[in-house]
Amino acid sequence: MRVTVVGAGVVGLATAYSLRAAGADVRCLDTGPPMGARSVGDTRIFRVAHGDPALVAEARRASELWDDWSMRARRTLVGAERLVVTGPRVPAWAEAMSAAGAVHRVDRHGALHDPAGGVLDLVATGAFLIAAVSPERATVTAVDADGTVHLADGDPLAADAVVVTAGAGTPALVAPLGVTVPDVLEHHVRFTFDGPADRPCHLDGRADGPLASTYQHRTRSGHWAIGATSPTPTPRSTWASRRSPAGPARPSSTTSAGTSRTSTRRRSRRSDARRPGASTTVSSGPAPGSCRSSGARTWPSSHPASVRS
């Protein structure tokens, strides 16, 4: 079976890796360098804790698969830092973990402890997948329902199936196929400090207030990162009207406490709408089994499917 994977972020690379392991003839394409867009960065948080028992079960399976990847990569890809979750979602998440039989506890302060959580080494994961997949640089301009992929420079590529994992580029590629993937922008800020960095990862969520969610975890260099997301997404049309001729502003600053990075990230959410019979799979998200403040997550598997909530 010939499969073309469009996008060489961690989701695309993981998909290509699993398909190739299953015996498919796979080509993975990306306009830019692999792991260079939504998968950029050095760490993410892996967690079993979720608000849906089915997602908890998938994450438990993902934990086993990450162990397998670690052995193949000959290095630990998910650390043993553990995870603490606070905020109003704790009761529902604890109930979901109980229903799925996942080990956890809620302490006297109301915090949920996930002993399987930890820091995901995204740099090492990317290096392992890139070496195994060997993605190609090519700009995909269109995808047909019959598996044909059109390139900006070169002849079209024919395949039996196409998997679109192009992140922010996914909506435009799949819209002609009748697949609707809403495209909104999230405002995200992350600060990195000089230690201590020996504590569990932390997720917090609020029903109201200036921040929808925050996260904290150790970075690959041993520093401590704190990030947050605004609760109100910005429609793409609104952002476009605010852009300067040079493109969207991405301010950054350095403080005495450490470095900070403010960015606006484009987030594509998968729609349930699909064109019957189309040979295109749509998937977007960051590292398998991981989360950023957006809460997006996928899992490595023996098949190309991914799960998001």
Protein backbone atom coordinates (compact mmCIF):
# COMPACT_ATOMS: atom_id res chain seq x y z
CA MET A 1 0.00 0.00 0.00
CA ARG A 2 1.35 3.43 -0.98
CA VAL A 3 0.69 6.22 1.52
CA THR A 4 1.68 9.89 1.39
CA VAL A 5 1.87 11.69 4.73
CA VAL A 6 1.63 15.48 4.39
CA GLY A 7 3.39 17.13 7.32
CA ALA A 8 6.55 16.15 9.19
CA GLY A 9 5.73 17.30 12.69
CA VAL A 10 5.67 14.70 15.44
CA VAL A 11 2.19 13.48 14.40
CA GLY A 12 3.15 13.09 10.75
CA LEU A 13 6.44 11.41 11.56
CA ALA A 14 4.80 9.06 14.07
CA THR A 15 2.15 8.18 11.49
CA ALA A 16 4.73 7.49 8.81
CA TYR A 17 6.81 5.45 11.25
CA SER A 18 3.85 3.26 12.26
CA LEU A 19 2.65 2.80 8.69
CA ARG A 20 6.09 1.81 7.54
CA ALA A 21 6.38 -0.67 10.41
CA ALA A 22 3.08 -2.16 9.25
CA GLY A 23 4.52 -2.73 5.79
CA ALA A 24 3.25 0.30 3.87
CA ASP A 25 5.30 2.16 1.28
CA VAL A 26 5.35 5.65 2.86
CA ARG A 27 6.57 9.07 1.80
CA CYS A 28 6.46 11.91 4.34
CA LEU A 29 6.51 15.47 2.95
CA ASP A 30 6.83 18.89 4.54
CA THR A 31 7.40 22.41 3.22
CA GLY A 32 9.85 23.25 5.97
CA PRO A 33 12.27 21.36 8.19
CA PRO A 34 10.81 18.42 10.13
CA MET A 35 9.59 19.24 13.64
CA GLY A 36 9.77 22.89 12.68
CA ALA A 37 6.22 24.19 13.20
CA ARG A 38 3.79 23.12 15.94
CA SER A 39 6.25 20.46 17.06
CA VAL A 40 9.04 22.97 17.66
CA GLY A 41 10.46 23.12 21.17
CA ASP A 42 12.28 20.75 23.47
CA THR A 43 9.64 19.37 25.84
CA ARG A 44 5.96 18.58 26.35
CA ILE A 45 3.98 16.99 29.19
CA PHE A 46 2.88 13.38 28.90
CA ARG A 47 -0.10 12.38 31.01
CA VAL A 48 -2.53 9.55 31.53
CA ALA A 49 -4.97 11.93 33.26
CA HIS A 50 -7.89 12.98 31.03
CA GLY A 51 -11.58 13.71 31.45
CA ASP A 52 -12.80 10.78 29.33
CA PRO A 53 -12.26 7.12 30.31
CA ALA A 54 -11.62 6.23 26.66
CA LEU A 55 -8.82 8.81 26.46
CA VAL A 56 -7.37 7.55 29.73
CA ALA A 57 -7.30 4.03 28.29
CA GLU A 58 -5.60 5.29 25.11
CA ALA A 59 -3.03 7.18 27.17
CA ARG A 60 -2.25 4.09 29.24
CA ARG A 61 -1.62 2.21 26.02
CA ALA A 62 0.48 5.15 24.82
CA SER A 63 2.64 4.88 27.93
CA GLU A 64 3.56 1.33 26.91
CA LEU A 65 4.31 2.46 23.36
CA TRP A 66 6.52 5.29 24.60
CA ASP A 67 8.48 2.69 26.57
CA ASP A 68 8.90 0.73 23.33
CA TRP A 69 10.06 3.83 21.48
CA SER A 70 12.52 4.60 24.31
CA MET A 71 14.09 1.17 23.94
CA ARG A 72 14.33 1.56 20.18
CA ALA A 73 15.80 5.07 20.54
CA ARG A 74 18.12 3.85 23.32
CA ARG A 75 17.22 6.73 25.58
CA THR A 76 14.37 7.70 27.89
CA LEU A 77 11.76 9.72 26.01
CA VAL A 78 9.27 10.24 28.86
CA GLY A 79 10.61 11.06 32.29
CA ALA A 80 9.37 9.95 35.72
CA GLU A 81 8.54 13.42 37.06
CA ARG A 82 4.82 12.61 37.60
CA LEU A 83 1.95 15.10 37.16
CA VAL A 84 -0.28 17.11 39.47
CA VAL A 85 -3.60 18.51 38.20
CA THR A 86 -5.50 21.26 40.02
CA GLY A 87 -8.62 23.29 39.32
CA PRO A 88 -12.29 22.57 38.59
CA ARG A 89 -11.64 19.65 36.23
CA VAL A 90 -10.15 17.43 38.95
CA PRO A 91 -13.42 15.63 39.95
CA ALA A 92 -14.29 14.66 36.36
CA TRP A 93 -10.72 13.63 35.56
CA ALA A 94 -10.47 11.53 38.75
CA GLU A 95 -13.76 9.83 37.90
CA ALA A 96 -12.55 9.08 34.36
CA MET A 97 -9.29 7.62 35.67
CA SER A 98 -11.20 5.45 38.14
CA ALA A 99 -13.49 4.19 35.38
CA ALA A 100 -10.47 3.29 33.24
CA GLY A 101 -8.63 1.60 36.12
CA ALA A 102 -5.73 4.06 36.02
CA VAL A 103 -3.60 4.56 39.14
CA HIS A 104 -4.13 7.99 40.70
CA ARG A 105 -5.04 9.76 43.90
CA VAL A 106 -6.68 12.99 45.01
CA ASP A 107 -4.95 14.56 48.02
CA ARG A 108 -6.55 16.47 50.88
CA HIS A 109 -6.06 19.73 49.00
CA GLY A 110 -8.10 18.47 46.05
CA ALA A 111 -5.16 17.96 43.68
CA LEU A 112 -5.11 14.98 41.32
CA HIS A 113 -1.83 13.02 41.17
CA ASP A 114 -0.97 11.09 38.00
CA PRO A 115 2.11 8.92 38.71
CA ALA A 116 2.46 7.99 35.02
CA GLY A 117 2.86 11.62 33.94
CA GLY A 118 6.20 13.15 33.08
CA VAL A 119 8.25 15.35 30.77
CA LEU A 120 8.40 14.24 27.14
CA ASP A 121 11.79 14.80 25.49
CA LEU A 122 10.61 16.18 22.16
CA VAL A 123 14.10 16.79 20.77
CA ALA A 124 15.12 13.17 21.25
CA THR A 125 11.74 11.96 19.96
CA GLY A 126 12.08 14.07 16.83
CA ALA A 127 15.63 12.86 16.18
CA PHE A 128 14.54 9.23 16.55
CA LEU A 129 11.57 9.61 14.16
CA ILE A 130 13.43 11.70 11.58
CA ALA A 131 16.20 9.11 11.37
CA ALA A 132 13.64 6.33 10.93
CA VAL A 133 11.31 8.08 8.47
CA SER A 134 13.66 10.31 6.38
CA PRO A 135 11.04 12.98 5.52
CA GLU A 136 11.35 14.92 2.24
CA ARG A 137 11.16 18.67 1.62
CA ALA A 138 8.27 19.45 -0.74
CA THR A 139 5.44 21.97 -0.81
CA VAL A 140 2.04 20.32 -1.19
CA THR A 141 -0.49 22.59 -2.92
CA ALA A 142 -3.50 20.27 -3.14
CA VAL A 143 -4.74 16.80 -2.23
CA ASP A 144 -7.25 14.82 -4.31
CA ALA A 145 -9.71 12.28 -2.95
CA ASP A 146 -8.12 9.55 -5.08
CA GLY A 147 -4.80 9.88 -3.26
CA THR A 148 -3.05 12.25 -5.67
CA VAL A 149 -0.86 14.89 -4.05
CA HIS A 150 0.02 17.99 -6.09
CA LEU A 151 3.35 19.70 -5.50
CA ALA A 152 4.44 23.28 -6.11
CA ASP A 153 7.54 22.04 -7.92
CA GLY A 154 7.35 18.61 -9.54
CA ASP A 155 4.97 16.02 -10.89
CA PRO A 156 1.96 14.93 -8.84
CA LEU A 157 2.44 11.95 -6.54
CA ALA A 158 0.01 9.03 -6.72
CA ALA A 159 -0.84 6.99 -3.63
CA ASP A 160 -3.54 4.68 -2.32
CA ALA A 161 -4.13 6.95 0.66
CA VAL A 162 -3.09 10.33 2.00
CA VAL A 163 -2.77 11.34 5.65
CA VAL A 164 -2.85 15.11 6.21
CA THR A 165 -0.98 16.17 9.37
CA ALA A 166 -0.09 19.67 8.20
CA GLY A 167 -1.00 21.58 11.35
CA ALA A 168 -2.07 25.13 10.45
CA GLY A 169 -1.99 24.18 6.77
CA THR A 170 -4.51 21.37 7.19
CA PRO A 171 -7.78 23.37 6.76
CA ALA A 172 -6.87 24.72 3.31
CA LEU A 173 -5.67 21.34 2.05
CA VAL A 174 -8.73 19.34 3.09
CA ALA A 175 -11.49 21.91 2.49
CA PRO A 176 -11.80 20.97 -1.24
CA LEU A 177 -12.48 17.39 -0.09
CA GLY A 178 -15.49 18.49 1.92
CA VAL A 179 -13.69 18.16 5.25
CA THR A 180 -14.14 21.15 7.56
CA VAL A 181 -11.35 21.84 10.03
CA PRO A 182 -12.01 25.09 11.96
CA ASP A 183 -8.97 27.32 12.19
CA VAL A 184 -8.62 29.61 15.20
CA LEU A 185 -5.69 31.26 16.97
CA GLU A 186 -4.64 30.75 20.57
CA HIS A 187 -2.66 33.33 22.50
CA HIS A 188 0.07 31.55 24.41
CA VAL A 189 2.86 32.75 26.69
CA ARG A 190 5.70 30.77 28.25
CA PHE A 191 8.33 31.84 30.78
CA THR A 192 11.49 29.88 31.55
CA PHE A 193 13.31 30.30 34.86
CA ASP A 194 16.53 29.11 36.47
CA GLY A 195 15.40 26.19 38.71
CA PRO A 196 14.49 24.56 40.90
CA ALA A 197 13.32 21.99 38.39
CA ASP A 198 12.87 18.86 40.49
CA ARG A 199 9.12 19.00 41.03
CA PRO A 200 6.25 17.17 39.27
CA CYS A 201 4.67 18.62 36.15
CA HIS A 202 1.61 20.75 36.91
CA LEU A 203 -1.61 21.51 35.00
CA ASP A 204 -4.19 23.99 36.21
CA GLY A 205 -7.48 25.08 34.64
CA ARG A 206 -10.03 27.74 35.52
CA ALA A 207 -13.62 28.25 34.45
CA ASP A 208 -13.10 32.01 34.18
CA GLY A 209 -10.42 34.64 34.56
CA PRO A 210 -7.64 35.97 32.30
CA LEU A 211 -6.08 32.54 31.70
CA ALA A 212 -7.89 29.39 30.54
CA SER A 213 -5.13 27.03 31.63
CA THR A 214 -1.56 26.99 32.82
CA TYR A 215 1.18 24.36 32.87
CA GLN A 216 4.56 23.97 34.53
CA HIS A 217 7.36 21.48 33.96
CA ARG A 218 11.09 20.93 33.80
CA THR A 219 12.75 21.80 30.51
CA ARG A 220 15.34 19.69 28.72
CA SER A 221 18.11 22.03 29.90
CA GLY A 222 17.02 21.67 33.53
CA HIS A 223 15.19 24.97 33.84
CA TRP A 224 11.55 25.46 34.93
CA ALA A 225 8.92 26.49 32.38
CA ILE A 226 5.53 28.07 33.08
CA GLY A 227 3.05 28.60 30.25
CA ALA A 228 -0.51 29.80 29.85
CA THR A 229 -3.23 30.18 27.25
CA SER A 230 -5.91 32.85 26.85
CA PRO A 231 -9.48 31.47 27.22
CA THR A 232 -10.73 33.30 24.11
CA PRO A 233 -9.53 32.03 20.71
CA THR A 234 -9.17 34.58 17.93
CA PRO A 235 -10.84 33.84 14.57
CA ARG A 236 -8.37 33.73 11.72
CA SER A 237 -10.19 36.53 9.88
CA THR A 238 -9.80 38.84 12.90
CA TRP A 239 -6.08 38.08 13.15
CA ALA A 240 -5.60 38.70 9.43
CA SER A 241 -7.10 42.18 9.76
CA ARG A 242 -4.55 43.01 12.46
CA ARG A 243 -1.49 41.80 10.60
CA SER A 244 1.18 44.22 9.54
CA PRO A 245 2.76 43.99 6.07
CA ALA A 246 5.65 42.12 7.66
CA GLY A 247 3.32 39.46 9.11
CA PRO A 248 1.97 38.74 12.59
CA ALA A 249 3.86 40.18 15.50
CA ARG A 250 5.63 37.72 17.78
CA PRO A 251 7.01 39.82 20.66
CA SER A 252 9.61 38.41 22.98
CA SER A 253 11.39 39.78 26.01
CA THR A 254 13.93 38.86 28.64
CA THR A 255 13.48 39.55 32.34
CA SER A 256 15.84 39.26 35.27
CA ALA A 257 13.95 36.16 36.41
CA GLY A 258 14.55 34.37 33.14
CA THR A 259 13.43 34.40 29.54
CA SER A 260 9.90 34.76 28.27
CA ARG A 261 8.32 34.02 24.93
CA THR A 262 4.95 35.33 23.84
CA SER A 263 3.40 33.86 20.74
CA THR A 264 0.15 33.43 18.92
CA ARG A 265 -0.33 29.86 17.76
CA ARG A 266 -2.76 28.73 15.11
CA ARG A 267 -4.76 25.73 16.22
CA SER A 268 -6.66 23.40 13.92
CA ARG A 269 -9.45 21.37 15.45
CA ARG A 270 -10.62 18.23 13.74
CA SER A 271 -14.20 18.18 12.53
CA ASP A 272 -16.45 15.13 12.45
CA ALA A 273 -17.48 16.06 8.90
CA ARG A 274 -15.91 13.70 6.35
CA ARG A 275 -16.47 13.07 2.70
CA PRO A 276 -17.70 9.47 2.24
CA GLY A 277 -15.13 7.35 0.43
CA ALA A 278 -12.37 9.95 0.54
CA SER A 279 -8.92 8.43 0.99
CA THR A 280 -7.68 11.28 3.13
CA THR A 281 -7.16 11.21 6.88
CA VAL A 282 -6.96 14.48 8.76
CA SER A 283 -4.90 14.75 11.88
CA SER A 284 -3.31 17.66 13.68
CA GLY A 285 -1.73 18.05 17.10
CA PRO A 286 1.50 18.08 19.03
CA ALA A 287 3.50 15.24 20.50
CA PRO A 288 1.95 11.77 20.96
CA GLY A 289 0.31 11.42 24.33
CA SER A 290 1.44 14.90 25.26
CA CYS A 291 -0.16 18.23 25.95
CA ARG A 292 0.61 21.90 25.84
CA SER A 293 -1.65 24.48 27.38
CA SER A 294 -4.02 23.85 24.47
CA GLY A 295 -4.67 20.33 25.72
CA ALA A 296 -4.12 18.79 22.28
CA ARG A 297 -2.85 15.23 22.31
CA THR A 298 -2.24 12.16 20.19
CA TRP A 299 -0.80 8.73 20.79
CA PRO A 300 1.80 6.61 18.98
CA SER A 301 0.27 3.35 17.80
CA SER A 302 0.63 0.44 15.45
CA HIS A 303 -1.83 2.19 13.11
CA PRO A 304 -2.06 5.78 11.80
CA ALA A 305 -5.08 6.80 13.86
CA SER A 306 -4.79 9.65 16.29
CA VAL A 307 -7.08 10.80 19.06
CA ARG A 308 -7.92 14.29 20.19
CA SER A 309 -10.49 15.80 22.48
